Amino acid sequence: MKKILLSIVSVATIATIMGCSAERRWGDKERRELRQELRAYRDMAYLDNLEDMEFETFSGDVVEAIEIDYPIYTTFIELPGKGDTVEVYVVSTIVEELNANPHNMRNIYPYPMLVEQGILPAGLNHQAQRAFYDCLAYRVKQYYPSTLAFFEDIVDSATTPTPITNMQMACAADLFDWGVEVDETVIISNTPE
């Protein structure tokens, strides 16, 4: 009887060791492969304005978050919605970066783009740009009840003006006494109905 119990314990111990072997855990190769996969997200808002080193740090954060939640590599690889899972981690990491440092807003609304749109004046120094992004982050946090609502507005702002545009113009006016005039063109059709 003792021999049977001892052999069961031995088999269970060996099975546990084999189940948690290094072969099934994340290795450098697996991390590199996932970082390569993350390059497909490089054209997303926020990520497309990161410099190469910033993107490497970002992708490292995403890989680390996934590895913490899925310590066994094969469990992660065999997920039916693996692509969706990666996308959730990408968006979550973007949200964490925005919450950690409001100056990261520059990656969603880069200064050259805001100058081109006429929202900011050209030639602002780094300190003035930082003040603008801090103002914008403050207004965004005050206005939006959740980060999800903010991201929905980001998506909508690609096609229509949103409160974000108004916040950008208000910050520019407050900080730099910079006003943006909007010309409205009304087209009247003379065709009978």
C-alpha atoms as a PDB file:
ATOM      1  CA  MET A   1       0.000   0.000   0.000  1.00  0.00           C
ATOM      2  CA  LYS A   2       2.821   2.358   0.890  1.00  0.00           C
ATOM      3  CA  LYS A   3       4.551   1.601  -2.400  1.00  0.00           C
ATOM      4  CA  ILE A   4       1.373   2.422  -4.348  1.00  0.00           C
ATOM      5  CA  LEU A   5       0.924   5.752  -2.548  1.00  0.00           C
ATOM      6  CA  LEU A   6       4.609   6.573  -2.980  1.00  0.00           C
ATOM      7  CA  SER A   7       4.435   5.790  -6.699  1.00  0.00           C
ATOM      8  CA  ILE A   8       1.279   7.923  -7.122  1.00  0.00           C
ATOM      9  CA  VAL A   9       2.987  10.866  -5.407  1.00  0.00           C
ATOM     10  CA  SER A  10       6.094  10.345  -7.558  1.00  0.00           C
ATOM     11  CA  VAL A  11       4.077  10.201 -10.772  1.00  0.00           C
ATOM     12  CA  ALA A  12       2.103  13.330  -9.754  1.00  0.00           C
ATOM     13  CA  THR A  13       5.342  15.198  -8.979  1.00  0.00           C
ATOM     14  CA  ILE A  14       6.888  14.238 -12.316  1.00  0.00           C
ATOM     15  CA  ALA A  15       3.699  15.194 -14.171  1.00  0.00           C
ATOM     16  CA  THR A  16       3.673  18.583 -12.429  1.00  0.00           C
ATOM     17  CA  ILE A  17       7.307  19.221 -13.314  1.00  0.00           C
ATOM     18  CA  MET A  18       6.755  18.144 -16.916  1.00  0.00           C
ATOM     19  CA  GLY A  19       3.569  20.245 -17.182  1.00  0.00           C
ATOM     20  CA  CYS A  20       5.417  23.372 -16.110  1.00  0.00           C
ATOM     21  CA  SER A  21       8.574  22.714 -18.073  1.00  0.00           C
ATOM     22  CA  ALA A  22      10.412  25.515 -19.823  1.00  0.00           C
ATOM     23  CA  GLU A  23       9.317  24.133 -23.185  1.00  0.00           C
ATOM     24  CA  ARG A  24       5.732  25.206 -22.562  1.00  0.00           C
ATOM     25  CA  ARG A  25       6.560  28.581 -21.041  1.00  0.00           C
ATOM     26  CA  TRP A  26       7.446  31.735 -22.932  1.00  0.00           C
ATOM     27  CA  GLY A  27      10.953  31.906 -24.324  1.00  0.00           C
ATOM     28  CA  ASP A  28      12.868  34.602 -26.184  1.00  0.00           C
ATOM     29  CA  LYS A  29      11.777  33.107 -29.505  1.00  0.00           C
ATOM     30  CA  GLU A  30       8.075  33.297 -28.598  1.00  0.00           C
ATOM     31  CA  ARG A  31       8.433  36.873 -27.332  1.00  0.00           C
ATOM     32  CA  ARG A  32      10.188  37.903 -30.571  1.00  0.00           C
ATOM     33  CA  GLU A  33       7.450  36.297 -32.670  1.00  0.00           C
ATOM     34  CA  LEU A  34       4.731  38.180 -30.795  1.00  0.00           C
ATOM     35  CA  ARG A  35       6.654  41.461 -31.142  1.00  0.00           C
ATOM     36  CA  GLN A  36       6.817  40.829 -34.889  1.00  0.00           C
ATOM     37  CA  GLU A  37       3.070  40.223 -34.904  1.00  0.00           C
ATOM     38  CA  LEU A  38       2.520  43.508 -33.073  1.00  0.00           C
ATOM     39  CA  ARG A  39       4.124  45.427 -35.950  1.00  0.00           C
ATOM     40  CA  ALA A  40       0.839  44.927 -37.836  1.00  0.00           C
ATOM     41  CA  TYR A  41      -0.745  47.334 -35.344  1.00  0.00           C
ATOM     42  CA  ARG A  42       1.760  50.079 -36.168  1.00  0.00           C
ATOM     43  CA  ASP A  43      -0.793  51.995 -38.281  1.00  0.00           C
ATOM     44  CA  MET A  44      -3.299  52.347 -35.401  1.00  0.00           C
ATOM     45  CA  ALA A  45      -3.958  55.810 -33.992  1.00  0.00           C
ATOM     46  CA  TYR A  46      -1.398  56.533 -31.272  1.00  0.00           C
ATOM     47  CA  LEU A  47       1.004  53.814 -32.417  1.00  0.00           C
ATOM     48  CA  ASP A  48       1.665  55.334 -35.837  1.00  0.00           C
ATOM     49  CA  ASN A  49       3.277  58.371 -34.185  1.00  0.00           C
ATOM     50  CA  LEU A  50       5.607  56.466 -31.873  1.00  0.00           C
ATOM     51  CA  GLU A  51       9.289  56.515 -32.655  1.00  0.00           C
ATOM     52  CA  ASP A  52      10.943  53.119 -33.161  1.00  0.00           C
ATOM     53  CA  MET A  53      12.331  52.922 -29.615  1.00  0.00           C
ATOM     54  CA  GLU A  54       8.987  53.979 -28.140  1.00  0.00           C
ATOM     55  CA  PHE A  55       7.244  51.288 -30.180  1.00  0.00           C
ATOM     56  CA  GLU A  56       9.723  48.649 -29.006  1.00  0.00           C
ATOM     57  CA  THR A  57       9.025  49.635 -25.395  1.00  0.00           C
ATOM     58  CA  PHE A  58       5.284  49.597 -26.090  1.00  0.00           C
ATOM     59  CA  SER A  59       5.370  46.145 -27.709  1.00  0.00           C
ATOM     60  CA  GLY A  60       7.483  44.877 -24.810  1.00  0.00           C
ATOM     61  CA  ASP A  61       4.777  46.074 -22.407  1.00  0.00           C
ATOM     62  CA  VAL A  62       2.086  44.287 -24.445  1.00  0.00           C
ATOM     63  CA  VAL A  63       4.081  41.036 -24.574  1.00  0.00           C
ATOM     64  CA  GLU A  64       4.731  41.237 -20.828  1.00  0.00           C
ATOM     65  CA  ALA A  65       1.023  41.751 -20.060  1.00  0.00           C
ATOM     66  CA  ILE A  66       0.050  38.792 -22.239  1.00  0.00           C
ATOM     67  CA  GLU A  67       2.770  36.618 -20.730  1.00  0.00           C
ATOM     68  CA  ILE A  68       1.560  37.428 -17.201  1.00  0.00           C
ATOM     69  CA  ASP A  69      -2.031  36.486 -18.038  1.00  0.00           C
ATOM     70  CA  TYR A  70      -1.054  33.458 -20.163  1.00  0.00           C
ATOM     71  CA  PRO A  71       2.120  32.052 -18.553  1.00  0.00           C
ATOM     72  CA  ILE A  72       1.864  28.860 -20.611  1.00  0.00           C
ATOM     73  CA  TYR A  73       2.673  29.804 -24.204  1.00  0.00           C
ATOM     74  CA  THR A  74       0.690  26.986 -25.782  1.00  0.00           C
ATOM     75  CA  THR A  75      -2.454  28.156 -23.949  1.00  0.00           C
ATOM     76  CA  PHE A  76      -2.088  31.562 -25.591  1.00  0.00           C
ATOM     77  CA  ILE A  77      -1.280  30.203 -29.072  1.00  0.00           C
ATOM     78  CA  GLU A  78      -4.266  27.841 -29.010  1.00  0.00           C
ATOM     79  CA  LEU A  79      -6.795  30.579 -28.146  1.00  0.00           C
ATOM     80  CA  PRO A  80      -9.613  30.583 -30.717  1.00  0.00           C
ATOM     81  CA  GLY A  81      -9.708  34.411 -30.825  1.00  0.00           C
ATOM     82  CA  LYS A  82      -5.987  35.016 -30.425  1.00  0.00           C
ATOM     83  CA  GLY A  83      -5.985  38.022 -32.775  1.00  0.00           C
ATOM     84  CA  ASP A  84      -8.824  39.670 -30.882  1.00  0.00           C
ATOM     85  CA  THR A  85      -7.042  38.969 -27.610  1.00  0.00           C
ATOM     86  CA  VAL A  86      -3.876  40.666 -28.860  1.00  0.00           C
ATOM     87  CA  GLU A  87      -5.915  43.668 -30.004  1.00  0.00           C
ATOM     88  CA  VAL A  88      -7.511  43.982 -26.554  1.00  0.00           C
ATOM     89  CA  TYR A  89      -4.063  44.012 -24.967  1.00  0.00           C
ATOM     90  CA  VAL A  90      -2.849  46.631 -27.460  1.00  0.00           C
ATOM     91  CA  VAL A  91      -5.759  48.955 -26.684  1.00  0.00           C
ATOM     92  CA  SER A  92      -5.426  48.335 -22.938  1.00  0.00           C
ATOM     93  CA  THR A  93      -1.745  49.237 -23.058  1.00  0.00           C
ATOM     94  CA  ILE A  94      -2.532  52.435 -24.973  1.00  0.00           C
ATOM     95  CA  VAL A  95      -5.086  53.358 -22.300  1.00  0.00           C
ATOM     96  CA  GLU A  96      -2.563  52.657 -19.533  1.00  0.00           C
ATOM     97  CA  GLU A  97       0.012  54.878 -21.241  1.00  0.00           C
ATOM     98  CA  LEU A  98      -2.468  57.712 -21.665  1.00  0.00           C
ATOM     99  CA  ASN A  99      -3.546  57.435 -18.031  1.00  0.00           C
ATOM    100  CA  ALA A 100       0.059  57.291 -16.853  1.00  0.00           C
ATOM    101  CA  ASN A 101       1.192  60.402 -18.708  1.00  0.00           C
ATOM    102  CA  PRO A 102      -1.146  62.904 -20.364  1.00  0.00           C
ATOM    103  CA  HIS A 103       1.710  64.065 -22.587  1.00  0.00           C
ATOM    104  CA  ASN A 104       1.242  60.796 -24.473  1.00  0.00           C
ATOM    105  CA  MET A 105      -1.743  62.533 -26.138  1.00  0.00           C
ATOM    106  CA  ARG A 106       0.870  63.823 -28.583  1.00  0.00           C
ATOM    107  CA  ASN A 107       0.861  60.359 -30.109  1.00  0.00           C
ATOM    108  CA  ILE A 108      -2.834  60.576 -30.948  1.00  0.00           C
ATOM    109  CA  TYR A 109      -2.815  64.232 -31.981  1.00  0.00           C
ATOM    110  CA  PRO A 110       0.732  65.006 -33.125  1.00  0.00           C
ATOM    111  CA  TYR A 111       1.769  68.636 -33.164  1.00  0.00           C
ATOM    112  CA  PRO A 112       2.448  68.818 -36.953  1.00  0.00           C
ATOM    113  CA  MET A 113      -1.060  67.509 -37.647  1.00  0.00           C
ATOM    114  CA  LEU A 114      -2.620  70.121 -35.336  1.00  0.00           C
ATOM    115  CA  VAL A 115      -0.603  72.860 -37.058  1.00  0.00           C
ATOM    116  CA  GLU A 116      -1.745  71.595 -40.458  1.00  0.00           C
ATOM    117  CA  GLN A 117      -5.370  71.649 -39.285  1.00  0.00           C
ATOM    118  CA  GLY A 118      -4.934  75.225 -38.074  1.00  0.00           C
ATOM    119  CA  ILE A 119      -5.596  74.347 -34.445  1.00  0.00           C
ATOM    120  CA  LEU A 120      -2.120  75.280 -33.187  1.00  0.00           C
ATOM    121  CA  PRO A 121       0.300  77.931 -34.389  1.00  0.00           C
ATOM    122  CA  ALA A 122       3.569  76.808 -35.965  1.00  0.00           C
ATOM    123  CA  GLY A 123       6.841  77.236 -34.125  1.00  0.00           C
ATOM    124  CA  LEU A 124       5.777  76.274 -30.606  1.00  0.00           C
ATOM    125  CA  ASN A 125       8.652  75.135 -28.410  1.00  0.00           C
ATOM    126  CA  HIS A 126       8.595  71.884 -26.427  1.00  0.00           C
ATOM    127  CA  GLN A 127       7.407  73.595 -23.243  1.00  0.00           C
ATOM    128  CA  ALA A 128       4.445  75.239 -25.024  1.00  0.00           C
ATOM    129  CA  GLN A 129       3.507  71.941 -26.697  1.00  0.00           C
ATOM    130  CA  ARG A 130       3.651  70.173 -23.334  1.00  0.00           C
ATOM    131  CA  ALA A 131       1.371  72.824 -21.812  1.00  0.00           C
ATOM    132  CA  PHE A 132      -1.096  72.277 -24.653  1.00  0.00           C
ATOM    133  CA  TYR A 133      -1.152  68.486 -24.203  1.00  0.00           C
ATOM    134  CA  ASP A 134      -1.520  68.835 -20.426  1.00  0.00           C
ATOM    135  CA  CYS A 135      -4.475  71.204 -20.980  1.00  0.00           C
ATOM    136  CA  LEU A 136      -6.028  68.805 -23.489  1.00  0.00           C
ATOM    137  CA  ALA A 137      -5.569  65.813 -21.172  1.00  0.00           C
ATOM    138  CA  TYR A 138      -7.169  67.721 -18.297  1.00  0.00           C
ATOM    139  CA  ARG A 139     -10.199  68.668 -20.412  1.00  0.00           C
ATOM    140  CA  VAL A 140     -10.548  65.113 -21.761  1.00  0.00           C
ATOM    141  CA  LYS A 141     -10.506  63.655 -18.238  1.00  0.00           C
ATOM    142  CA  GLN A 142     -13.110  66.187 -17.119  1.00  0.00           C
ATOM    143  CA  TYR A 143     -15.401  65.614 -20.101  1.00  0.00           C
ATOM    144  CA  TYR A 144     -15.409  61.869 -20.745  1.00  0.00           C
ATOM    145  CA  PRO A 145     -16.957  59.509 -18.194  1.00  0.00           C
ATOM    146  CA  SER A 146     -14.732  56.643 -19.345  1.00  0.00           C
ATOM    147  CA  THR A 147     -11.748  55.883 -21.506  1.00  0.00           C
ATOM    148  CA  LEU A 148     -14.020  53.881 -23.797  1.00  0.00           C
ATOM    149  CA  ALA A 149     -16.132  56.976 -24.496  1.00  0.00           C
ATOM    150  CA  PHE A 150     -12.952  58.892 -25.285  1.00  0.00           C
ATOM    151  CA  PHE A 151     -11.764  56.224 -27.742  1.00  0.00           C
ATOM    152  CA  GLU A 152     -15.174  56.109 -29.415  1.00  0.00           C
ATOM    153  CA  ASP A 153     -14.902  59.851 -29.963  1.00  0.00           C
ATOM    154  CA  ILE A 154     -11.412  59.426 -31.395  1.00  0.00           C
ATOM    155  CA  VAL A 155     -12.801  57.025 -33.969  1.00  0.00           C
ATOM    156  CA  ASP A 156     -15.701  59.386 -34.754  1.00  0.00           C
ATOM    157  CA  SER A 157     -13.383  62.401 -35.034  1.00  0.00           C
ATOM    158  CA  ALA A 158     -11.878  60.878 -38.170  1.00  0.00           C
ATOM    159  CA  THR A 159     -15.090  61.716 -40.021  1.00  0.00           C
ATOM    160  CA  THR A 160     -16.872  64.447 -38.069  1.00  0.00           C
ATOM    161  CA  PRO A 161     -15.899  67.210 -35.643  1.00  0.00           C
ATOM    162  CA  THR A 162     -16.256  66.124 -32.030  1.00  0.00           C
ATOM    163  CA  PRO A 163     -15.893  67.703 -28.600  1.00  0.00           C
ATOM    164  CA  ILE A 164     -12.191  66.817 -28.798  1.00  0.00           C
ATOM    165  CA  THR A 165     -11.727  69.359 -31.582  1.00  0.00           C
ATOM    166  CA  ASN A 166     -13.474  71.983 -29.455  1.00  0.00           C
ATOM    167  CA  MET A 167     -11.198  71.127 -26.517  1.00  0.00           C
ATOM    168  CA  GLN A 168      -8.122  71.459 -28.718  1.00  0.00           C
ATOM    169  CA  MET A 169      -9.244  74.881 -29.940  1.00  0.00           C
ATOM    170  CA  ALA A 170     -10.123  75.996 -26.395  1.00  0.00           C
ATOM    171  CA  CYS A 171      -6.687  74.986 -25.088  1.00  0.00           C
ATOM    172  CA  ALA A 172      -4.980  76.783 -27.971  1.00  0.00           C
ATOM    173  CA  ALA A 173      -7.042  79.907 -27.282  1.00  0.00           C
ATOM    174  CA  ASP A 174      -6.394  79.779 -23.529  1.00  0.00           C
ATOM    175  CA  LEU A 175      -2.654  79.170 -23.792  1.00  0.00           C
ATOM    176  CA  PHE A 176      -1.595  81.036 -26.906  1.00  0.00           C
ATOM    177  CA  ASP A 177      -4.434  83.473 -27.523  1.00  0.00           C
ATOM    178  CA  TRP A 178      -4.863  81.592 -30.770  1.00  0.00           C
ATOM    179  CA  GLY A 179      -8.244  81.582 -32.400  1.00  0.00           C
ATOM    180  CA  VAL A 180      -9.507  79.369 -35.157  1.00  0.00           C
ATOM    181  CA  GLU A 181     -12.107  80.750 -37.477  1.00  0.00           C
ATOM    182  CA  VAL A 182     -14.427  78.315 -39.131  1.00  0.00           C
ATOM    183  CA  ASP A 183     -15.833  79.299 -42.487  1.00  0.00           C
ATOM    184  CA  GLU A 184     -19.117  77.666 -43.250  1.00  0.00           C
ATOM    185  CA  THR A 185     -20.151  77.195 -46.818  1.00  0.00           C
ATOM    186  CA  VAL A 186     -23.839  76.741 -47.500  1.00  0.00           C
ATOM    187  CA  ILE A 187     -24.816  75.356 -50.871  1.00  0.00           C
ATOM    188  CA  ILE A 188     -28.305  76.244 -52.024  1.00  0.00           C
ATOM    189  CA  SER A 189     -29.700  74.208 -54.823  1.00  0.00           C
ATOM    190  CA  ASN A 190     -32.025  75.842 -57.329  1.00  0.00           C
ATOM    191  CA  THR A 191     -33.438  72.569 -58.525  1.00  0.00           C
ATOM    192  CA  PRO A 192     -37.231  72.246 -58.185  1.00  0.00           C
ATOM    193  CA  GLU A 193     -38.512  69.490 -55.958  1.00  0.00           C
END
